[in-house]
Amino acid sequence: PVPRSLNSDISYFGVGGKQAVFFVGQSARMISKP
C-alpha cells in the first residue's frame, strides 16, 4: 500500500487492458521473456 502513482491496481478489476488497447488502436502485440 504505497501511493497509487508508484503502485499497480490502476486497473483494479483487471478489465481495462484490452479495452485500452482497442480504444487507442486496432491491434496489440505483447512480447515477454520470463
PDB file of all heavy atoms in Angstrom:
ATOM      1  N   PRO A   1       0.826  -1.220   0.000  1.00  0.00           N
ATOM      2  CA  PRO A   1       0.000   0.000   0.000  1.00  0.00           C
ATOM      3  C   PRO A   1       0.853   1.259   0.000  1.00  0.00           C
ATOM      4  O   PRO A   1       1.179   1.827   1.046  1.00  0.00           O
ATOM      5  CB  PRO A   1      -0.815  -0.139   1.293  1.00  0.00           C
ATOM      6  CG  PRO A   1       0.033  -0.990   2.178  1.00  0.00           C
ATOM      7  CD  PRO A   1       0.735  -1.952   1.271  1.00  0.00           C
ATOM      8  N   VAL A   2       1.258   1.680  -1.193  1.00  0.00           N
ATOM      9  CA  VAL A   2       2.013   2.920  -1.372  1.00  0.00           C
ATOM     10  C   VAL A   2       1.199   3.807  -2.309  1.00  0.00           C
ATOM     11  O   VAL A   2       0.193   3.366  -2.863  1.00  0.00           O
ATOM     12  CB  VAL A   2       3.412   2.638  -1.961  1.00  0.00           C
ATOM     13  CG1 VAL A   2       4.228   1.801  -1.006  1.00  0.00           C
ATOM     14  CG2 VAL A   2       3.305   1.951  -3.311  1.00  0.00           C
ATOM     15  N   PRO A   3       1.589   5.070  -2.500  1.00  0.00           N
ATOM     16  CA  PRO A   3       0.824   5.935  -3.410  1.00  0.00           C
ATOM     17  C   PRO A   3       0.580   5.268  -4.752  1.00  0.00           C
ATOM     18  O   PRO A   3       1.479   4.652  -5.327  1.00  0.00           O
ATOM     19  CB  PRO A   3       1.728   7.165  -3.542  1.00  0.00           C
ATOM     20  CG  PRO A   3       2.451   7.219  -2.243  1.00  0.00           C
ATOM     21  CD  PRO A   3       2.696   5.780  -1.853  1.00  0.00           C
ATOM     22  N   ARG A   4      -0.610   5.392  -5.239  1.00  0.00           N
ATOM     23  CA  ARG A   4      -1.009   4.634  -6.426  1.00  0.00           C
ATOM     24  C   ARG A   4      -0.159   4.979  -7.643  1.00  0.00           C
ATOM     25  O   ARG A   4      -0.028   4.183  -8.561  1.00  0.00           O
ATOM     26  CB  ARG A   4      -2.496   4.876  -6.711  1.00  0.00           C
ATOM     27  CG  ARG A   4      -3.054   3.960  -7.791  1.00  0.00           C
ATOM     28  CD  ARG A   4      -4.555   3.942  -7.835  1.00  0.00           C
ATOM     29  NE  ARG A   4      -5.102   3.070  -6.801  1.00  0.00           N
ATOM     30  CZ  ARG A   4      -6.335   2.579  -6.849  1.00  0.00           C
ATOM     31  NH1 ARG A   4      -7.138   2.893  -7.831  1.00  0.00           N
ATOM     32  NH2 ARG A   4      -6.775   1.794  -5.904  1.00  0.00           N
ATOM     33  N   SER A   5       0.437   6.167  -7.680  1.00  0.00           N
ATOM     34  CA  SER A   5       1.287   6.510  -8.810  1.00  0.00           C
ATOM     35  C   SER A   5       2.529   5.616  -8.880  1.00  0.00           C
ATOM     36  O   SER A   5       3.136   5.477  -9.929  1.00  0.00           O
ATOM     37  CB  SER A   5       1.728   7.969  -8.721  1.00  0.00           C
ATOM     38  OG  SER A   5       2.456   8.185  -7.523  1.00  0.00           O
ATOM     39  N   LEU A   6       2.928   5.013  -7.748  1.00  0.00           N
ATOM     40  CA  LEU A   6       4.067   4.109  -7.720  1.00  0.00           C
ATOM     41  C   LEU A   6       3.624   2.655  -7.657  1.00  0.00           C
ATOM     42  O   LEU A   6       4.431   1.760  -7.479  1.00  0.00           O
ATOM     43  CB  LEU A   6       4.933   4.404  -6.480  1.00  0.00           C
ATOM     44  CG  LEU A   6       5.465   5.819  -6.353  1.00  0.00           C
ATOM     45  CD1 LEU A   6       6.198   5.979  -5.036  1.00  0.00           C
ATOM     46  CD2 LEU A   6       6.379   6.145  -7.516  1.00  0.00           C
ATOM     47  N   ASN A   7       2.366   2.435  -7.794  1.00  0.00           N
ATOM     48  CA  ASN A   7       1.734   1.185  -7.458  1.00  0.00           C
ATOM     49  C   ASN A   7       1.206   0.517  -8.720  1.00  0.00           C
ATOM     50  O   ASN A   7       1.343   1.027  -9.815  1.00  0.00           O
ATOM     51  CB  ASN A   7       0.570   1.510  -6.503  1.00  0.00           C
ATOM     52  CG  ASN A   7       0.183   0.324  -5.663  1.00  0.00           C
ATOM     53  OD1 ASN A   7       0.545  -0.794  -5.975  1.00  0.00           O
ATOM     54  ND2 ASN A   7      -0.551   0.567  -4.609  1.00  0.00           N
ATOM     55  N   SER A   8       0.558  -0.602  -8.551  1.00  0.00           N
ATOM     56  CA  SER A   8      -0.282  -1.142  -9.601  1.00  0.00           C
ATOM     57  C   SER A   8      -1.712  -0.904  -9.117  1.00  0.00           C
ATOM     58  O   SER A   8      -1.958   0.011  -8.341  1.00  0.00           O
ATOM     59  CB  SER A   8      -0.001  -2.621  -9.809  1.00  0.00           C
ATOM     60  OG  SER A   8      -0.802  -3.134 -10.844  1.00  0.00           O
ATOM     61  N   ASP A   9      -2.630  -1.711  -9.532  1.00  0.00           N
ATOM     62  CA  ASP A   9      -4.040  -1.573  -9.162  1.00  0.00           C
ATOM     63  C   ASP A   9      -4.712  -0.378  -9.830  1.00  0.00           C
ATOM     64  O   ASP A   9      -5.777   0.036  -9.410  1.00  0.00           O
ATOM     65  CB  ASP A   9      -4.240  -1.461  -7.638  1.00  0.00           C
ATOM     66  CG  ASP A   9      -4.160  -2.821  -6.969  1.00  0.00           C
ATOM     67  OD1 ASP A   9      -3.975  -3.798  -7.718  1.00  0.00           O
ATOM     68  OD2 ASP A   9      -4.275  -2.903  -5.755  1.00  0.00           O
ATOM     69  N   ILE A  10      -4.077   0.221 -10.841  1.00  0.00           N
ATOM     70  CA  ILE A  10      -4.808   1.205 -11.632  1.00  0.00           C
ATOM     71  C   ILE A  10      -6.049   0.523 -12.194  1.00  0.00           C
ATOM     72  O   ILE A  10      -7.159   1.029 -12.137  1.00  0.00           O
ATOM     73  CB  ILE A  10      -3.929   1.751 -12.780  1.00  0.00           C
ATOM     74  CG1 ILE A  10      -2.839   2.654 -12.209  1.00  0.00           C
ATOM     75  CG2 ILE A  10      -4.767   2.526 -13.787  1.00  0.00           C
ATOM     76  CD1 ILE A  10      -1.868   3.153 -13.253  1.00  0.00           C
ATOM     77  N   SER A  11      -5.828  -0.675 -12.763  1.00  0.00           N
ATOM     78  CA  SER A  11      -6.939  -1.457 -13.290  1.00  0.00           C
ATOM     79  C   SER A  11      -7.343  -2.472 -12.222  1.00  0.00           C
ATOM     80  O   SER A  11      -6.985  -3.627 -12.274  1.00  0.00           O
ATOM     81  CB  SER A  11      -6.517  -2.171 -14.573  1.00  0.00           C
ATOM     82  OG  SER A  11      -7.544  -3.024 -15.029  1.00  0.00           O
ATOM     83  N   TYR A  12      -8.077  -2.012 -11.229  1.00  0.00           N
ATOM     84  CA  TYR A  12      -8.339  -2.828 -10.044  1.00  0.00           C
ATOM     85  C   TYR A  12      -9.068  -4.120 -10.384  1.00  0.00           C
ATOM     86  O   TYR A  12      -8.821  -5.156  -9.794  1.00  0.00           O
ATOM     87  CB  TYR A  12      -9.157  -2.011  -9.041  1.00  0.00           C
ATOM     88  CG  TYR A  12      -9.331  -2.699  -7.709  1.00  0.00           C
ATOM     89  CD1 TYR A  12      -8.354  -2.591  -6.717  1.00  0.00           C
ATOM     90  CD2 TYR A  12     -10.438  -3.495  -7.450  1.00  0.00           C
ATOM     91  CE1 TYR A  12      -8.508  -3.227  -5.497  1.00  0.00           C
ATOM     92  CE2 TYR A  12     -10.587  -4.141  -6.243  1.00  0.00           C
ATOM     93  CZ  TYR A  12      -9.625  -3.990  -5.273  1.00  0.00           C
ATOM     94  OH  TYR A  12      -9.768  -4.632  -4.071  1.00  0.00           O
ATOM     95  N   PHE A  13      -9.955  -4.076 -11.365  1.00  0.00           N
ATOM     96  CA  PHE A  13     -10.729  -5.276 -11.677  1.00  0.00           C
ATOM     97  C   PHE A  13     -10.119  -6.068 -12.832  1.00  0.00           C
ATOM     98  O   PHE A  13     -10.671  -7.064 -13.253  1.00  0.00           O
ATOM     99  CB  PHE A  13     -12.180  -4.910 -12.026  1.00  0.00           C
ATOM    100  CG  PHE A  13     -12.934  -4.364 -10.857  1.00  0.00           C
ATOM    101  CD1 PHE A  13     -13.047  -3.003 -10.659  1.00  0.00           C
ATOM    102  CD2 PHE A  13     -13.499  -5.203  -9.931  1.00  0.00           C
ATOM    103  CE1 PHE A  13     -13.728  -2.490  -9.586  1.00  0.00           C
ATOM    104  CE2 PHE A  13     -14.194  -4.714  -8.835  1.00  0.00           C
ATOM    105  CZ  PHE A  13     -14.301  -3.338  -8.667  1.00  0.00           C
ATOM    106  N   GLY A  14      -8.984  -5.618 -13.356  1.00  0.00           N
ATOM    107  CA  GLY A  14      -8.341  -6.364 -14.438  1.00  0.00           C
ATOM    108  C   GLY A  14      -9.137  -6.366 -15.719  1.00  0.00           C
ATOM    109  O   GLY A  14      -9.038  -7.278 -16.517  1.00  0.00           O
ATOM    110  N   VAL A  15      -9.942  -5.332 -15.940  1.00  0.00           N
ATOM    111  CA  VAL A  15     -10.827  -5.356 -17.103  1.00  0.00           C
ATOM    112  C   VAL A  15     -10.386  -4.386 -18.184  1.00  0.00           C
ATOM    113  O   VAL A  15     -10.934  -4.387 -19.265  1.00  0.00           O
ATOM    114  CB  VAL A  15     -12.288  -5.021 -16.707  1.00  0.00           C
ATOM    115  CG1 VAL A  15     -12.796  -6.003 -15.690  1.00  0.00           C
ATOM    116  CG2 VAL A  15     -12.393  -3.604 -16.185  1.00  0.00           C
ATOM    117  N   GLY A  16      -9.404  -3.526 -17.904  1.00  0.00           N
ATOM    118  CA  GLY A  16      -9.174  -2.409 -18.788  1.00  0.00           C
ATOM    119  C   GLY A  16      -8.115  -2.571 -19.846  1.00  0.00           C
ATOM    120  O   GLY A  16      -8.064  -1.777 -20.774  1.00  0.00           O
ATOM    121  N   GLY A  17      -7.220  -3.559 -19.709  1.00  0.00           N
ATOM    122  CA  GLY A  17      -6.113  -3.659 -20.638  1.00  0.00           C
ATOM    123  C   GLY A  17      -6.544  -3.795 -22.083  1.00  0.00           C
ATOM    124  O   GLY A  17      -6.071  -3.065 -22.957  1.00  0.00           O
ATOM    125  N   LYS A  18      -7.432  -4.720 -22.357  1.00  0.00           N
ATOM    126  CA  LYS A  18      -7.894  -4.903 -23.728  1.00  0.00           C
ATOM    127  C   LYS A  18      -8.771  -3.732 -24.172  1.00  0.00           C
ATOM    128  O   LYS A  18      -8.723  -3.300 -25.306  1.00  0.00           O
ATOM    129  CB  LYS A  18      -8.675  -6.208 -23.851  1.00  0.00           C
ATOM    130  CG  LYS A  18      -7.795  -7.452 -23.968  1.00  0.00           C
ATOM    131  CD  LYS A  18      -7.165  -7.861 -22.649  1.00  0.00           C
ATOM    132  CE  LYS A  18      -8.189  -8.360 -21.656  1.00  0.00           C
ATOM    133  NZ  LYS A  18      -7.584  -8.725 -20.354  1.00  0.00           N
ATOM    134  N   GLN A  19      -9.564  -3.202 -23.242  1.00  0.00           N
ATOM    135  CA  GLN A  19     -10.369  -2.021 -23.554  1.00  0.00           C
ATOM    136  C   GLN A  19      -9.458  -0.891 -24.016  1.00  0.00           C
ATOM    137  O   GLN A  19      -9.727  -0.207 -24.993  1.00  0.00           O
ATOM    138  CB  GLN A  19     -11.150  -1.580 -22.312  1.00  0.00           C
ATOM    139  CG  GLN A  19     -12.199  -2.552 -21.834  1.00  0.00           C
ATOM    140  CD  GLN A  19     -13.559  -2.317 -22.487  1.00  0.00           C
ATOM    141  OE1 GLN A  19     -13.691  -1.498 -23.382  1.00  0.00           O
ATOM    142  NE2 GLN A  19     -14.556  -3.037 -22.037  1.00  0.00           N
ATOM    143  N   ALA A  20      -8.367  -0.674 -23.277  1.00  0.00           N
ATOM    144  CA  ALA A  20      -7.454   0.421 -23.594  1.00  0.00           C
ATOM    145  C   ALA A  20      -6.784   0.195 -24.945  1.00  0.00           C
ATOM    146  O   ALA A  20      -6.672   1.118 -25.755  1.00  0.00           O
ATOM    147  CB  ALA A  20      -6.407   0.550 -22.497  1.00  0.00           C
ATOM    148  N   VAL A  21      -6.331  -1.034 -25.181  1.00  0.00           N
ATOM    149  CA  VAL A  21      -5.656  -1.341 -26.433  1.00  0.00           C
ATOM    150  C   VAL A  21      -6.546  -1.008 -27.621  1.00  0.00           C
ATOM    151  O   VAL A  21      -6.137  -0.333 -28.574  1.00  0.00           O
ATOM    152  CB  VAL A  21      -5.249  -2.829 -26.475  1.00  0.00           C
ATOM    153  CG1 VAL A  21      -4.924  -3.254 -27.897  1.00  0.00           C
ATOM    154  CG2 VAL A  21      -4.061  -3.076 -25.561  1.00  0.00           C
ATOM    155  N   PHE A  22      -7.788  -1.462 -27.556  1.00  0.00           N
ATOM    156  CA  PHE A  22      -8.665  -1.284 -28.705  1.00  0.00           C
ATOM    157  C   PHE A  22      -9.343   0.087 -28.706  1.00  0.00           C
ATOM    158  O   PHE A  22     -10.022   0.444 -29.658  1.00  0.00           O
ATOM    159  CB  PHE A  22      -9.680  -2.423 -28.766  1.00  0.00           C
ATOM    160  CG  PHE A  22      -9.034  -3.750 -29.030  1.00  0.00           C
ATOM    161  CD1 PHE A  22      -9.198  -4.810 -28.158  1.00  0.00           C
ATOM    162  CD2 PHE A  22      -8.227  -3.928 -30.132  1.00  0.00           C
ATOM    163  CE1 PHE A  22      -8.577  -6.027 -28.396  1.00  0.00           C
ATOM    164  CE2 PHE A  22      -7.601  -5.133 -30.376  1.00  0.00           C
ATOM    165  CZ  PHE A  22      -7.778  -6.191 -29.512  1.00  0.00           C
ATOM    166  N   PHE A  23      -9.168   0.855 -27.636  1.00  0.00           N
ATOM    167  CA  PHE A  23      -9.579   2.256 -27.658  1.00  0.00           C
ATOM    168  C   PHE A  23      -8.519   3.086 -28.374  1.00  0.00           C
ATOM    169  O   PHE A  23      -8.830   3.975 -29.166  1.00  0.00           O
ATOM    170  CB  PHE A  23      -9.798   2.785 -26.242  1.00  0.00           C
ATOM    171  CG  PHE A  23     -10.118   4.245 -26.196  1.00  0.00           C
ATOM    172  CD1 PHE A  23     -11.399   4.700 -26.514  1.00  0.00           C
ATOM    173  CD2 PHE A  23      -9.150   5.170 -25.859  1.00  0.00           C
ATOM    174  CE1 PHE A  23     -11.684   6.057 -26.497  1.00  0.00           C
ATOM    175  CE2 PHE A  23      -9.444   6.514 -25.838  1.00  0.00           C
ATOM    176  CZ  PHE A  23     -10.711   6.967 -26.149  1.00  0.00           C
ATOM    177  N   VAL A  24      -7.244   2.765 -28.106  1.00  0.00           N
ATOM    178  CA  VAL A  24      -6.139   3.534 -28.689  1.00  0.00           C
ATOM    179  C   VAL A  24      -5.854   3.088 -30.120  1.00  0.00           C
ATOM    180  O   VAL A  24      -5.550   3.906 -30.982  1.00  0.00           O
ATOM    181  CB  VAL A  24      -4.875   3.385 -27.822  1.00  0.00           C
ATOM    182  CG1 VAL A  24      -3.674   4.050 -28.482  1.00  0.00           C
ATOM    183  CG2 VAL A  24      -5.110   3.982 -26.447  1.00  0.00           C
ATOM    184  N   GLY A  25      -5.915   1.784 -30.379  1.00  0.00           N
ATOM    185  CA  GLY A  25      -5.526   1.280 -31.692  1.00  0.00           C
ATOM    186  C   GLY A  25      -6.344   0.090 -32.133  1.00  0.00           C
ATOM    187  O   GLY A  25      -7.383  -0.239 -31.556  1.00  0.00           O
ATOM    188  N   GLN A  26      -5.830  -0.579 -33.168  1.00  0.00           N
ATOM    189  CA  GLN A  26      -6.551  -1.688 -33.788  1.00  0.00           C
ATOM    190  C   GLN A  26      -5.997  -3.059 -33.423  1.00  0.00           C
ATOM    191  O   GLN A  26      -6.635  -4.069 -33.699  1.00  0.00           O
ATOM    192  CB  GLN A  26      -6.517  -1.535 -35.327  1.00  0.00           C
ATOM    193  CG  GLN A  26      -7.134  -0.246 -35.832  1.00  0.00           C
ATOM    194  CD  GLN A  26      -8.613  -0.151 -35.528  1.00  0.00           C
ATOM    195  OE1 GLN A  26      -9.367  -1.092 -35.786  1.00  0.00           O
ATOM    196  NE2 GLN A  26      -9.039   0.975 -34.979  1.00  0.00           N
ATOM    197  N   SER A  27      -4.816  -3.094 -32.821  1.00  0.00           N
ATOM    198  CA  SER A  27      -4.226  -4.391 -32.502  1.00  0.00           C
ATOM    199  C   SER A  27      -3.253  -4.243 -31.346  1.00  0.00           C
ATOM    200  O   SER A  27      -2.825  -3.135 -30.998  1.00  0.00           O
ATOM    201  CB  SER A  27      -3.497  -4.975 -33.721  1.00  0.00           C
ATOM    202  OG  SER A  27      -2.403  -4.155 -34.089  1.00  0.00           O
ATOM    203  N   ALA A  28      -2.907  -5.371 -30.741  1.00  0.00           N
ATOM    204  CA  ALA A  28      -1.964  -5.402 -29.624  1.00  0.00           C
ATOM    205  C   ALA A  28      -0.928  -6.484 -29.886  1.00  0.00           C
ATOM    206  O   ALA A  28      -1.255  -7.571 -30.369  1.00  0.00           O
ATOM    207  CB  ALA A  28      -2.687  -5.699 -28.317  1.00  0.00           C
ATOM    208  N   ARG A  29       0.324  -6.182 -29.541  1.00  0.00           N
ATOM    209  CA  ARG A  29       1.395  -7.176 -29.619  1.00  0.00           C
ATOM    210  C   ARG A  29       2.161  -7.120 -28.306  1.00  0.00           C
ATOM    211  O   ARG A  29       2.709  -6.083 -27.940  1.00  0.00           O
ATOM    212  CB  ARG A  29       2.325  -6.885 -30.785  1.00  0.00           C
ATOM    213  CG  ARG A  29       3.566  -7.769 -30.810  1.00  0.00           C
ATOM    214  CD  ARG A  29       4.256  -7.708 -32.141  1.00  0.00           C
ATOM    215  NE  ARG A  29       3.375  -8.221 -33.183  1.00  0.00           N
ATOM    216  CZ  ARG A  29       3.756  -8.430 -34.439  1.00  0.00           C
ATOM    217  NH1 ARG A  29       4.986  -8.183 -34.794  1.00  0.00           N
ATOM    218  NH2 ARG A  29       2.903  -8.888 -35.324  1.00  0.00           N
ATOM    219  N   MET A  30       2.166  -8.227 -27.585  1.00  0.00           N
ATOM    220  CA  MET A  30       2.880  -8.305 -26.312  1.00  0.00           C
ATOM    221  C   MET A  30       4.030  -9.291 -26.465  1.00  0.00           C
ATOM    222  O   MET A  30       3.821 -10.443 -26.866  1.00  0.00           O
ATOM    223  CB  MET A  30       1.934  -8.735 -25.189  1.00  0.00           C
ATOM    224  CG  MET A  30       0.824  -7.729 -24.922  1.00  0.00           C
ATOM    225  SD  MET A  30      -0.265  -8.223 -23.573  1.00  0.00           S
ATOM    226  CE  MET A  30       0.860  -8.094 -22.183  1.00  0.00           C
ATOM    227  N   ILE A  31       5.253  -8.829 -26.154  1.00  0.00           N
ATOM    228  CA  ILE A  31       6.438  -9.664 -26.222  1.00  0.00           C
ATOM    229  C   ILE A  31       7.025  -9.732 -24.827  1.00  0.00           C
ATOM    230  O   ILE A  31       7.273  -8.700 -24.204  1.00  0.00           O
ATOM    231  CB  ILE A  31       7.469  -9.091 -27.210  1.00  0.00           C
ATOM    232  CG1 ILE A  31       6.834  -8.936 -28.602  1.00  0.00           C
ATOM    233  CG2 ILE A  31       8.710  -9.975 -27.277  1.00  0.00           C
ATOM    234  CD1 ILE A  31       7.706  -8.216 -29.596  1.00  0.00           C
ATOM    235  N   SER A  32       7.220 -10.937 -24.305  1.00  0.00           N
ATOM    236  CA  SER A  32       7.621 -11.084 -22.913  1.00  0.00           C
ATOM    237  C   SER A  32       8.564 -12.261 -22.744  1.00  0.00           C
ATOM    238  O   SER A  32       8.374 -13.313 -23.359  1.00  0.00           O
ATOM    239  CB  SER A  32       6.378 -11.278 -22.029  1.00  0.00           C
ATOM    240  OG  SER A  32       6.721 -11.270 -20.665  1.00  0.00           O
ATOM    241  N   LYS A  33       9.578 -12.066 -21.908  1.00  0.00           N
ATOM    242  CA  LYS A  33      10.501 -13.137 -21.558  1.00  0.00           C
ATOM    243  C   LYS A  33      10.514 -13.281 -20.039  1.00  0.00           C
ATOM    244  O   LYS A  33      10.955 -12.372 -19.339  1.00  0.00           O
ATOM    245  CB  LYS A  33      11.915 -12.828 -22.051  1.00  0.00           C
ATOM    246  CG  LYS A  33      12.938 -13.884 -21.657  1.00  0.00           C
ATOM    247  CD  LYS A  33      14.339 -13.467 -22.035  1.00  0.00           C
ATOM    248  CE  LYS A  33      15.362 -14.494 -21.556  1.00  0.00           C
ATOM    249  NZ  LYS A  33      15.381 -14.625 -20.076  1.00  0.00           N
ATOM    250  N   PRO A  34      10.002 -14.388 -19.503  1.00  0.00           N
ATOM    251  CA  PRO A  34      10.068 -14.593 -18.051  1.00  0.00           C
ATOM    252  C   PRO A  34      11.512 -14.556 -17.576  1.00  0.00           C
ATOM    253  O   PRO A  34      12.416 -15.047 -18.253  1.00  0.00           O
ATOM    254  CB  PRO A  34       9.451 -15.983 -17.857  1.00  0.00           C
ATOM    255  CG  PRO A  34       8.620 -16.213 -19.088  1.00  0.00           C
ATOM    256  CD  PRO A  34       9.340 -15.500 -20.197  1.00  0.00           C
TER     257      PRO A  34
END
